[in-house]
N, C-alpha and C. Protein backbone atom coordinates (compact mmCIF):
# COMPACT_ATOMS: atom_id res chain seq x y z
N MET A 1 -7.60 -2.44 -3.19
CA MET A 1 -7.77 -3.04 -4.56
C MET A 1 -6.86 -3.53 -5.25
N THR A 2 -5.58 -2.48 -5.54
CA THR A 2 -4.54 -2.25 -6.50
C THR A 2 -3.95 -3.71 -5.68
N ALA A 3 -3.55 -3.65 -4.39
CA ALA A 3 -2.79 -4.76 -4.04
C ALA A 3 -3.33 -6.09 -4.25
N ARG A 4 -4.96 -6.04 -4.24
CA ARG A 4 -5.28 -7.44 -4.14
C ARG A 4 -4.73 -7.96 -5.84
N TRP A 5 -4.93 -6.68 -7.06
CA TRP A 5 -4.83 -7.03 -7.91
C TRP A 5 -3.49 -7.17 -8.37
N VAL A 6 -2.58 -6.66 -7.90
CA VAL A 6 -1.16 -7.58 -8.16
C VAL A 6 -0.97 -8.76 -7.58
N VAL A 7 -1.25 -8.68 -6.49
CA VAL A 7 -0.97 -10.20 -5.59
C VAL A 7 -1.66 -11.29 -6.38
N ASP A 8 -3.18 -11.16 -6.66
CA ASP A 8 -3.90 -12.53 -7.17
C ASP A 8 -3.56 -12.72 -8.50
N GLU A 9 -3.46 -11.66 -9.76
CA GLU A 9 -3.18 -11.76 -10.73
C GLU A 9 -1.95 -11.14 -11.57
N ILE A 10 -1.12 -10.36 -11.07
CA ILE A 10 -0.15 -9.83 -11.87
C ILE A 10 1.28 -10.51 -11.38
N LYS A 11 1.28 -11.09 -9.76
CA LYS A 11 2.46 -11.32 -9.75
C LYS A 11 2.66 -12.63 -10.14
N PRO A 12 2.01 -13.62 -10.16
CA PRO A 12 1.97 -15.18 -10.51
C PRO A 12 2.32 -15.25 -11.94
N ALA A 13 1.86 -14.04 -12.78
CA ALA A 13 1.89 -14.14 -14.43
C ALA A 13 3.20 -13.84 -14.60
N ARG A 14 3.24 -12.30 -13.74
CA ARG A 14 4.65 -11.69 -14.05
C ARG A 14 6.13 -11.92 -13.57
N ASP A 15 6.04 -12.94 -12.46
CA ASP A 15 6.78 -13.26 -11.44
C ASP A 15 7.99 -12.06 -11.06
N LEU A 16 6.78 -11.32 -10.38
CA LEU A 16 7.47 -10.10 -9.88
C LEU A 16 8.41 -10.48 -8.43
N ASP A 17 9.13 -9.35 -7.76
CA ASP A 17 9.60 -9.55 -6.58
C ASP A 17 9.14 -8.23 -6.12
N ILE A 18 8.11 -8.01 -5.08
CA ILE A 18 7.49 -6.87 -4.56
C ILE A 18 7.70 -6.68 -3.06
N THR A 19 8.45 -5.28 -2.94
CA THR A 19 8.85 -4.76 -1.88
C THR A 19 7.83 -3.55 -1.44
N TRP A 20 7.21 -4.01 -0.53
CA TRP A 20 5.84 -3.25 0.32
C TRP A 20 6.34 -1.81 1.33
N GLN A 21 5.86 -0.75 0.63
CA GLN A 21 6.52 0.41 1.38
C GLN A 21 5.29 1.05 1.95
N PRO A 22 5.68 1.68 2.82
CA PRO A 22 4.58 2.40 3.72
C PRO A 22 4.32 3.89 2.72
N ILE A 23 2.93 4.43 3.16
CA ILE A 23 2.52 5.88 2.83
C ILE A 23 1.72 6.55 4.06
N SER A 24 2.17 6.99 4.71
CA SER A 24 1.26 7.58 5.49
C SER A 24 0.30 8.91 4.99
N LEU A 25 -1.20 8.30 5.16
CA LEU A 25 -1.77 9.29 4.91
C LEU A 25 -1.92 10.55 6.20
N LEU A 26 -1.51 10.58 7.20
CA LEU A 26 -1.25 11.35 8.35
C LEU A 26 -0.22 12.14 8.22
N PHE A 27 1.03 11.94 7.56
CA PHE A 27 1.99 12.86 7.25
C PHE A 27 1.79 13.47 5.72
N LYS A 28 1.04 12.67 4.81
CA LYS A 28 1.26 13.03 3.61
C LYS A 28 -0.41 14.66 3.54
N ASN A 29 -1.12 14.01 4.01
CA ASN A 29 -2.47 14.71 4.13
C ASN A 29 -2.31 16.02 5.20
N GLU A 30 -1.76 15.89 6.16
CA GLU A 30 -1.56 16.70 7.77
C GLU A 30 -3.29 16.97 7.67
N PRO A 31 -4.04 16.05 8.08
CA PRO A 31 -5.31 16.46 8.47
C PRO A 31 -5.74 17.48 9.40
N ASP A 32 -6.51 18.06 9.80
CA ASP A 32 -6.87 18.71 11.19
C ASP A 32 -7.12 17.51 11.99
N PRO A 33 -6.34 18.07 13.30
CA PRO A 33 -6.43 17.13 14.37
C PRO A 33 -7.64 16.99 15.25
N GLY A 34 -8.75 17.76 14.74
CA GLY A 34 -10.12 17.61 15.10
C GLY A 34 -10.85 16.75 14.33
N SER A 35 -10.57 16.65 13.30
CA SER A 35 -11.31 15.61 12.47
C SER A 35 -11.36 14.03 12.49
N ASP A 36 -12.31 13.41 11.57
CA ASP A 36 -12.86 11.88 11.77
C ASP A 36 -11.26 11.83 10.72
N TYR A 37 -10.94 11.94 9.92
CA TYR A 37 -10.08 12.00 9.13
C TYR A 37 -8.46 11.42 9.56
N PHE A 38 -8.88 12.52 10.60
CA PHE A 38 -7.02 12.88 11.35
C PHE A 38 -7.02 11.65 12.14
N LYS A 39 -8.70 11.12 12.88
CA LYS A 39 -8.22 9.75 13.40
C LYS A 39 -8.22 8.63 13.23
N ALA A 40 -8.72 8.48 11.54
CA ALA A 40 -8.37 7.25 10.87
C ALA A 40 -6.98 7.22 10.04
N SER A 41 -6.47 8.66 10.00
CA SER A 41 -4.70 8.44 9.44
C SER A 41 -4.06 8.00 10.70
N GLU A 42 -4.49 8.76 11.99
CA GLU A 42 -3.68 8.52 13.24
C GLU A 42 -3.33 7.20 13.24
N PHE A 43 -4.76 6.15 13.20
CA PHE A 43 -5.08 4.75 13.36
C PHE A 43 -4.15 4.20 12.65
N THR A 44 -4.33 4.20 10.92
CA THR A 44 -3.56 3.73 10.26
C THR A 44 -1.83 4.03 10.15
N HIS A 45 -1.39 5.17 10.34
CA HIS A 45 -0.27 5.89 10.47
C HIS A 45 0.57 4.83 11.56
N LYS A 46 -0.03 4.55 12.96
CA LYS A 46 0.34 3.45 14.09
C LYS A 46 0.26 2.07 13.65
N LEU A 47 -0.61 1.80 13.05
CA LEU A 47 -0.34 0.24 12.15
C LEU A 47 1.18 0.30 11.48
N LEU A 48 1.45 1.64 10.31
CA LEU A 48 2.52 1.26 9.95
C LEU A 48 3.56 1.61 10.82
N ARG A 49 4.05 1.77 11.70
CA ARG A 49 5.01 1.54 13.10
C ARG A 49 4.98 0.23 13.33
N VAL A 50 4.11 -0.58 13.35
CA VAL A 50 4.21 -1.42 14.06
C VAL A 50 4.75 -2.32 12.51
N MET A 51 4.33 -2.23 11.43
CA MET A 51 5.07 -2.67 10.12
C MET A 51 6.20 -2.50 9.93
N GLU A 52 6.89 -1.46 10.08
CA GLU A 52 8.11 -1.05 10.41
C GLU A 52 8.85 -1.83 11.47
N SER A 53 8.32 -2.29 12.28
CA SER A 53 8.92 -3.25 13.23
C SER A 53 9.18 -4.43 13.34
N VAL A 54 7.81 -5.09 12.32
CA VAL A 54 8.28 -6.12 11.73
C VAL A 54 9.19 -6.16 10.79
N ARG A 55 8.81 -5.07 9.73
CA ARG A 55 10.19 -5.30 8.69
C ARG A 55 11.61 -5.17 9.55
N ALA A 56 12.08 -4.74 10.07
CA ALA A 56 13.04 -4.58 10.68
C ALA A 56 13.87 -5.96 11.34
N ALA A 57 12.67 -6.45 12.12
CA ALA A 57 12.95 -8.14 12.76
C ALA A 57 13.02 -9.22 11.73
N GLU A 58 12.12 -8.94 10.98
CA GLU A 58 11.48 -9.99 10.20
C GLU A 58 11.53 -10.25 8.82
N GLY A 59 11.63 -9.16 8.11
CA GLY A 59 11.60 -9.17 6.78
C GLY A 59 10.57 -8.53 6.40
N ASP A 60 10.62 -8.08 4.48
CA ASP A 60 9.78 -7.57 3.92
C ASP A 60 8.38 -8.70 4.02
N ASP A 61 8.63 -10.39 3.97
CA ASP A 61 7.52 -11.15 3.75
C ASP A 61 6.60 -10.76 4.68
N ALA A 62 7.37 -10.71 5.95
CA ALA A 62 6.36 -10.34 6.95
C ALA A 62 5.42 -9.33 7.02
N VAL A 63 6.23 -7.90 6.21
CA VAL A 63 5.34 -6.77 6.64
C VAL A 63 3.85 -7.32 5.35
N PHE A 64 4.33 -7.80 4.21
CA PHE A 64 3.02 -8.18 3.52
C PHE A 64 2.00 -9.08 3.95
N ASP A 65 2.54 -9.89 4.88
CA ASP A 65 1.21 -10.84 5.95
C ASP A 65 0.57 -9.69 7.04
N LEU A 66 1.26 -8.86 7.19
CA LEU A 66 0.41 -7.70 8.14
C LEU A 66 -0.11 -7.05 7.39
N TYR A 67 0.21 -6.52 6.51
CA TYR A 67 -0.26 -5.75 5.46
C TYR A 67 -1.75 -5.80 5.38
N TRP A 68 -1.56 -7.34 4.78
CA TRP A 68 -3.03 -8.24 4.08
C TRP A 68 -3.93 -8.18 5.55
N GLU A 69 -3.27 -8.58 6.48
CA GLU A 69 -3.95 -8.44 7.72
C GLU A 69 -4.94 -7.32 8.19
N TYR A 70 -4.46 -6.33 8.17
CA TYR A 70 -5.00 -4.96 8.16
C TYR A 70 -5.67 -4.80 7.44
N GLY A 71 -5.61 -5.03 6.00
CA GLY A 71 -6.71 -5.07 4.80
C GLY A 71 -7.67 -5.43 5.18
N ARG A 72 -8.02 -7.24 5.50
CA ARG A 72 -8.65 -7.73 5.76
C ARG A 72 -9.86 -7.18 6.91
N ARG A 73 -9.32 -6.58 7.90
CA ARG A 73 -10.15 -6.41 8.96
C ARG A 73 -10.56 -5.03 8.48
N ILE A 74 -9.93 -3.93 8.10
CA ILE A 74 -10.33 -2.75 7.79
C ILE A 74 -11.21 -2.40 6.38
N HIS A 75 -11.13 -3.11 5.49
CA HIS A 75 -11.68 -3.61 4.33
C HIS A 75 -12.90 -4.44 4.46
N HIS A 76 -12.51 -5.53 4.93
CA HIS A 76 -13.32 -6.65 4.52
C HIS A 76 -14.48 -6.72 5.87
N ASP A 77 -14.01 -6.63 7.09
CA ASP A 77 -14.55 -6.71 8.09
C ASP A 77 -15.23 -5.25 8.68
N GLN A 78 -14.91 -4.28 7.84
CA GLN A 78 -15.23 -2.89 7.66
C GLN A 78 -15.24 -2.40 9.15
N THR A 79 -13.83 -3.08 9.79
CA THR A 79 -13.72 -2.23 11.55
C THR A 79 -12.41 -1.28 12.01
N ARG A 80 -12.22 -0.49 12.51
CA ARG A 80 -11.14 -0.29 12.91
C ARG A 80 -11.04 -0.51 14.34
N ASP A 81 -12.04 -1.15 14.80
CA ASP A 81 -11.84 -1.30 16.57
C ASP A 81 -11.09 -3.23 16.58
N PHE A 82 -9.65 -2.73 16.64
CA PHE A 82 -8.42 -3.71 16.86
C PHE A 82 -7.73 -3.20 16.84
N THR A 83 -6.73 -4.01 17.58
CA THR A 83 -5.66 -3.45 18.19
C THR A 83 -3.88 -4.31 17.27
N ALA A 84 -3.05 -3.92 17.21
CA ALA A 84 -2.06 -4.30 16.56
C ALA A 84 -1.70 -5.70 16.96
N PHE A 85 -2.16 -5.69 18.68
CA PHE A 85 -1.43 -6.99 19.38
C PHE A 85 -2.31 -8.16 18.22
N ASP A 86 -3.40 -7.45 18.36
CA ASP A 86 -4.87 -8.74 17.85
C ASP A 86 -4.36 -9.03 16.63
N ALA A 87 -3.99 -7.88 15.55
CA ALA A 87 -3.48 -8.55 14.03
C ALA A 87 -2.42 -9.01 14.24
N LEU A 88 -1.23 -8.80 14.81
CA LEU A 88 -0.13 -9.98 14.75
C LEU A 88 -0.52 -10.97 15.41
N ASP A 89 -1.31 -11.27 16.13
CA ASP A 89 -1.58 -12.73 17.06
C ASP A 89 -2.38 -13.52 16.03
N ALA A 90 -3.26 -12.70 15.32
CA ALA A 90 -3.91 -13.61 14.06
C ALA A 90 -3.16 -14.22 12.86
N ILE A 91 -1.81 -13.32 13.08
CA ILE A 91 -0.98 -14.02 11.95
C ILE A 91 0.15 -14.64 12.27
N GLY A 92 0.26 -14.99 13.23
CA GLY A 92 1.59 -15.45 14.19
C GLY A 92 2.74 -14.80 13.99
N HIS A 93 2.33 -13.92 14.06
CA HIS A 93 4.08 -12.93 14.57
C HIS A 93 4.02 -12.66 15.80
N ASP A 94 5.45 -12.36 15.86
CA ASP A 94 5.50 -11.93 17.66
C ASP A 94 4.96 -10.49 18.07
N THR A 95 3.87 -10.49 18.67
CA THR A 95 3.20 -9.77 19.23
C THR A 95 3.90 -8.46 20.14
N ALA A 96 5.39 -9.06 20.68
CA ALA A 96 5.91 -7.82 20.83
C ALA A 96 5.82 -6.27 20.28
N HIS A 97 5.77 -6.78 18.38
CA HIS A 97 5.80 -5.64 17.95
C HIS A 97 4.38 -4.87 18.15
N ALA A 98 3.68 -5.28 18.58
CA ALA A 98 2.72 -4.07 19.20
C ALA A 98 2.97 -3.02 19.94
N ALA A 99 3.88 -3.09 20.55
CA ALA A 99 4.32 -2.07 21.60
C ALA A 99 5.21 -1.17 20.45
N ALA A 100 5.46 -1.02 19.39
CA ALA A 100 5.39 0.04 18.18
C ALA A 100 4.55 1.09 17.54
N PHE A 101 3.43 0.71 18.25
CA PHE A 101 2.65 1.00 17.48
C PHE A 101 2.11 2.85 18.08
N ASP A 102 2.63 2.84 19.69
CA ASP A 102 2.68 4.20 20.33
C ASP A 102 4.38 4.91 20.24
N ASP A 103 4.98 4.22 19.19
CA ASP A 103 6.61 4.38 19.16
C ASP A 103 6.82 5.46 18.33
N GLU A 104 7.13 6.67 18.40
CA GLU A 104 7.37 7.35 17.51
C GLU A 104 8.49 7.59 16.78
N SER A 105 9.33 6.42 17.48
CA SER A 105 10.83 6.59 16.67
C SER A 105 10.66 6.03 15.68
N TRP A 106 9.91 4.87 15.01
CA TRP A 106 9.50 4.56 13.66
C TRP A 106 9.43 5.43 12.66
N ASP A 107 8.70 6.76 13.11
CA ASP A 107 8.27 7.62 12.02
C ASP A 107 9.26 8.39 11.08
N ALA A 108 10.35 8.22 11.65
CA ALA A 108 11.65 8.70 10.53
C ALA A 108 11.95 7.72 9.52
N GLU A 109 11.48 6.42 9.66
CA GLU A 109 11.59 5.42 8.91
C GLU A 109 10.19 5.34 7.89
N ILE A 110 9.30 5.71 8.30
CA ILE A 110 7.94 5.47 7.79
C ILE A 110 8.22 6.55 6.88
N ARG A 111 8.51 8.00 6.62
CA ARG A 111 8.79 9.00 6.31
C ARG A 111 10.07 9.22 5.24
N THR A 112 11.10 8.24 5.76
CA THR A 112 12.14 8.00 4.53
C THR A 112 11.73 6.81 3.67
N ARG A 113 10.93 5.87 3.85
CA ARG A 113 10.46 5.31 2.71
C ARG A 113 9.50 5.66 2.21
N MET A 114 8.63 6.38 2.59
CA MET A 114 7.65 7.43 1.56
C MET A 114 7.80 8.16 0.71
N ASP A 115 9.04 9.12 1.50
CA ASP A 115 9.53 9.98 0.45
C ASP A 115 10.18 9.84 -0.83
N VAL A 116 10.78 8.21 -0.77
CA VAL A 116 10.82 7.51 -1.72
C VAL A 116 10.48 7.37 -2.97
N GLY A 117 9.16 7.09 -2.71
CA GLY A 117 8.09 7.03 -3.94
C GLY A 117 7.74 8.49 -3.97
N LEU A 118 7.34 9.32 -3.30
CA LEU A 118 6.99 10.47 -3.79
C LEU A 118 7.62 11.48 -4.47
N ALA A 119 9.46 11.00 -4.15
CA ALA A 119 10.56 11.45 -5.17
C ALA A 119 9.93 11.02 -6.45
N LEU A 120 9.74 9.63 -6.40
CA LEU A 120 9.65 9.07 -7.99
C LEU A 120 8.49 9.34 -8.74
N ALA A 121 7.09 9.45 -7.77
CA ALA A 121 6.18 9.75 -8.30
C ALA A 121 5.55 11.06 -8.54
N GLY A 122 5.71 11.95 -7.29
CA GLY A 122 5.18 13.18 -7.14
C GLY A 122 4.88 13.52 -6.25
N ASP A 123 4.81 14.90 -5.74
CA ASP A 123 4.17 15.12 -4.43
C ASP A 123 2.64 15.47 -4.38
N ASP A 124 2.14 15.79 -5.23
CA ASP A 124 0.46 15.84 -5.36
C ASP A 124 0.17 14.80 -5.78
N ILE A 125 0.12 13.32 -5.34
CA ILE A 125 -0.74 12.09 -5.20
C ILE A 125 -0.94 11.54 -4.23
N GLY A 126 -1.74 10.61 -4.09
CA GLY A 126 -1.77 9.39 -3.32
C GLY A 126 -1.38 8.61 -2.84
N THR A 127 -1.96 7.08 -2.63
CA THR A 127 -1.85 6.02 -2.77
C THR A 127 -2.83 5.28 -3.75
N PRO A 128 -2.23 4.16 -4.44
CA PRO A 128 -0.90 3.63 -4.09
C PRO A 128 -0.23 4.18 -4.98
N ILE A 129 1.44 3.74 -5.07
CA ILE A 129 2.33 4.00 -5.64
C ILE A 129 3.00 2.45 -6.36
N ILE A 130 2.95 2.55 -7.55
CA ILE A 130 3.89 1.20 -8.02
C ILE A 130 4.91 1.93 -8.51
N ALA A 131 6.35 1.11 -8.19
CA ALA A 131 7.53 1.72 -8.97
C ALA A 131 7.79 0.44 -9.15
N PHE A 132 8.67 0.85 -10.27
CA PHE A 132 9.73 -0.37 -11.07
C PHE A 132 10.66 0.29 -12.14
N ASP A 133 11.30 -0.73 -12.65
CA ASP A 133 12.48 0.18 -13.45
C ASP A 133 12.29 -0.17 -15.24
N ASP A 134 12.08 1.15 -15.76
CA ASP A 134 12.36 1.19 -17.33
C ASP A 134 12.67 0.32 -18.07
N ARG A 135 12.53 0.13 -19.11
CA ARG A 135 13.27 -0.67 -20.16
C ARG A 135 15.02 -0.49 -20.09
N ALA A 136 15.52 1.10 -19.73
CA ALA A 136 16.18 1.86 -19.70
C ALA A 136 16.90 0.86 -18.06
N GLY A 137 16.33 0.84 -17.12
CA GLY A 137 16.65 0.34 -15.88
C GLY A 137 16.63 1.45 -15.05
N VAL A 138 15.86 2.38 -15.37
CA VAL A 138 15.40 3.71 -14.26
C VAL A 138 14.55 3.35 -13.80
N GLN A 139 14.59 3.62 -12.85
CA GLN A 139 13.18 3.49 -11.71
C GLN A 139 12.80 4.35 -11.79
N GLN A 140 10.85 3.88 -12.19
CA GLN A 140 9.89 5.17 -12.63
C GLN A 140 9.03 4.61 -11.70
N ALA A 141 8.18 5.34 -11.46
CA ALA A 141 6.57 5.20 -10.38
C ALA A 141 5.48 6.26 -11.21
N TYR A 142 4.38 4.96 -10.75
CA TYR A 142 2.95 5.96 -11.01
C TYR A 142 1.96 5.60 -9.56
N PHE A 143 1.28 6.68 -9.65
CA PHE A 143 0.32 6.62 -8.75
C PHE A 143 -1.05 5.84 -9.01
N GLY A 144 -1.84 5.19 -8.74
CA GLY A 144 -2.23 4.06 -9.36
C GLY A 144 -1.80 3.16 -9.90
N PRO A 145 -2.51 2.24 -10.46
CA PRO A 145 -3.54 2.14 -10.60
C PRO A 145 -4.77 2.39 -10.03
N VAL A 146 -6.17 3.43 -9.81
CA VAL A 146 -6.58 2.98 -8.70
C VAL A 146 -8.20 2.41 -9.30
N ILE A 147 -8.27 1.18 -8.94
CA ILE A 147 -9.39 0.13 -9.38
C ILE A 147 -10.23 -0.16 -8.34
N THR A 148 -11.70 -0.51 -8.41
CA THR A 148 -12.61 -1.01 -8.04
C THR A 148 -12.92 -2.30 -7.93
N ARG A 149 -12.15 -2.70 -8.54
CA ARG A 149 -12.24 -4.47 -8.50
C ARG A 149 -11.53 -4.57 -9.22
N VAL A 150 -11.03 -6.24 -8.86
CA VAL A 150 -9.67 -6.91 -9.55
C VAL A 150 -10.25 -7.20 -10.94
N PRO A 151 -10.00 -6.73 -12.16
CA PRO A 151 -10.05 -7.32 -13.10
C PRO A 151 -10.02 -8.95 -13.60
N PRO A 152 -10.52 -9.66 -14.85
CA PRO A 152 -10.54 -10.66 -15.00
C PRO A 152 -8.69 -11.14 -15.39
N THR A 153 -8.04 -12.52 -15.09
CA THR A 153 -7.08 -11.97 -15.47
C THR A 153 -6.48 -11.71 -16.51
N ASP A 154 -6.94 -12.01 -17.63
CA ASP A 154 -6.54 -11.41 -19.22
C ASP A 154 -6.57 -9.88 -19.16
N ASP A 155 -7.88 -9.75 -18.58
CA ASP A 155 -7.78 -7.80 -18.49
C ASP A 155 -6.65 -7.83 -17.65
N SER A 156 -6.50 -8.31 -16.45
CA SER A 156 -5.59 -7.37 -15.46
C SER A 156 -4.11 -7.36 -16.08
N LEU A 157 -3.53 -8.75 -17.02
CA LEU A 157 -2.38 -9.00 -17.50
C LEU A 157 -2.24 -7.49 -18.58
N ALA A 158 -3.82 -7.60 -19.16
CA ALA A 158 -3.02 -6.49 -20.60
C ALA A 158 -3.24 -4.87 -20.00
N MET A 159 -3.92 -4.87 -18.83
CA MET A 159 -3.69 -3.29 -17.59
C MET A 159 -2.38 -3.39 -17.75
N TRP A 160 -1.61 -3.95 -17.15
CA TRP A 160 -0.43 -4.06 -16.27
C TRP A 160 0.45 -3.98 -17.44
N ASP A 161 0.13 -4.69 -18.93
CA ASP A 161 1.53 -4.54 -19.70
C ASP A 161 1.64 -3.09 -20.22
N ALA A 162 0.30 -2.60 -20.67
CA ALA A 162 -0.01 -1.34 -20.73
C ALA A 162 0.71 -0.42 -19.95
N LEU A 163 0.61 -0.54 -18.94
CA LEU A 163 1.16 0.22 -17.65
C LEU A 163 2.59 0.32 -17.97
N MET A 164 3.26 -0.88 -17.88
CA MET A 164 4.81 -1.27 -18.49
C MET A 164 5.16 -0.63 -19.54
N THR A 165 4.58 -0.37 -20.84
CA THR A 165 4.72 0.26 -22.33
C THR A 165 4.53 1.58 -22.01
N MET A 166 3.59 2.21 -21.01
CA MET A 166 3.32 3.54 -21.02
C MET A 166 4.75 4.26 -19.94
N MET A 167 5.47 3.44 -18.97
CA MET A 167 6.23 4.02 -18.72
C MET A 167 7.52 4.47 -19.38
N ASN A 168 7.87 3.75 -20.97
CA ASN A 168 8.80 3.61 -21.21
C ASN A 168 8.10 5.17 -22.09
N ILE A 169 6.91 5.73 -22.03
CA ILE A 169 6.76 6.61 -23.08
C ILE A 169 7.09 8.07 -22.30
N ASP A 170 8.16 8.75 -22.83
CA ASP A 170 9.00 9.70 -22.47
C ASP A 170 8.13 10.60 -22.78
N GLY A 171 7.50 11.62 -21.57
CA GLY A 171 6.21 12.82 -21.81
C GLY A 171 4.52 12.20 -21.59
N PHE A 172 4.64 11.02 -21.24
CA PHE A 172 3.39 10.07 -20.85
C PHE A 172 3.31 10.70 -19.06
N TRP A 173 2.09 11.18 -18.39
CA TRP A 173 1.87 11.48 -17.19
C TRP A 173 0.53 11.13 -16.35
N GLU A 174 -0.34 10.99 -17.41
CA GLU A 174 -1.37 10.95 -16.57
C GLU A 174 -2.55 10.51 -17.18
N LEU A 175 -3.66 9.67 -16.84
CA LEU A 175 -4.79 9.28 -17.47
C LEU A 175 -5.79 9.28 -15.88
N LYS A 176 -7.03 9.63 -16.23
CA LYS A 176 -8.10 9.93 -15.17
C LYS A 176 -8.83 9.74 -15.35
N ARG A 177 -10.18 9.44 -14.76
CA ARG A 177 -11.70 9.62 -15.21
C ARG A 177 -12.52 9.42 -13.82
N THR A 178 -13.36 10.39 -13.90
CA THR A 178 -14.24 10.03 -12.51
C THR A 178 -14.80 9.14 -11.94
N ARG A 179 -14.35 8.46 -10.63
CA ARG A 179 -14.97 7.60 -9.99
C ARG A 179 -16.51 7.53 -10.11
N THR A 180 -17.08 6.14 -10.18
CA THR A 180 -18.66 6.11 -10.41
C THR A 180 -19.01 5.22 -9.55
N GLU A 181 -17.52 4.28 -9.00
CA GLU A 181 -18.59 3.08 -7.61
C GLU A 181 -17.32 3.03 -6.86
N ARG A 182 -17.83 2.58 -5.51
CA ARG A 182 -16.82 2.29 -4.68
C ARG A 182 -16.48 0.97 -4.81
N PRO A 183 -15.06 0.54 -4.19
CA PRO A 183 -14.27 -0.48 -4.07
C PRO A 183 -15.30 -1.77 -3.76
N PHE A 184 -15.12 -2.78 -4.79
CA PHE A 184 -15.94 -4.24 -4.23
C PHE A 184 -14.97 -4.94 -3.86
N PHE A 185 -14.72 -5.06 -2.22
CA PHE A 185 -13.57 -6.00 -1.83
C PHE A 185 -13.64 -7.27 -2.32
N GLY A 186 -14.44 -7.92 -2.90
CA GLY A 186 -14.90 -9.59 -2.91
C GLY A 186 -14.59 -10.25 -1.30
N GLU A 187 -14.15 -11.26 -1.88
CA GLU A 187 -14.45 -12.79 -1.32
C GLU A 187 -13.13 -11.97 0.00
N ARG A 188 -13.05 -12.58 1.44
CA ARG A 188 -11.91 -12.01 2.78
C ARG A 188 -10.81 -12.86 1.99
N PRO A 189 -9.90 -12.45 2.09
CA PRO A 189 -8.53 -13.45 1.63
C PRO A 189 -7.97 -13.95 2.98
């Protein structure tokens, strides 16, 4: 939902230049190999390998296209019953990148990119992480915001602007409340 919020509401109004980075929940959470969570994390981790193959060959914009396709399938269609080949083919990317799915050589790149975000935001967080330069030009990061729906434009922009303001406040660390609803993904993008 945070990605939808940034892409649908914030990017057009705030002229953002976005670079999408991976975070592997398989690496981050190290789930028990026999668990259902391990299977889900392993699958999405392998999808990240394909994204990094695409990034290496085609650049950051192509990464977003693939990320969006994964999101449509996993969150809107409620399925993980697809292959990397299927996702690549659906958006017109070279399906040869599907070979990266089982290629562990991409894991070092995933970990390196992931570790940059964790170094900025801290290791005791999850996803999403948003990083940007504060008013002094120092790169900072947040875990979050975790949202269950994209707010209307005026509220979206107010929330973004508030996050930007808080990033410039020394000593500001955390806001949190208990989640009471599941994400509402809306129309399939």
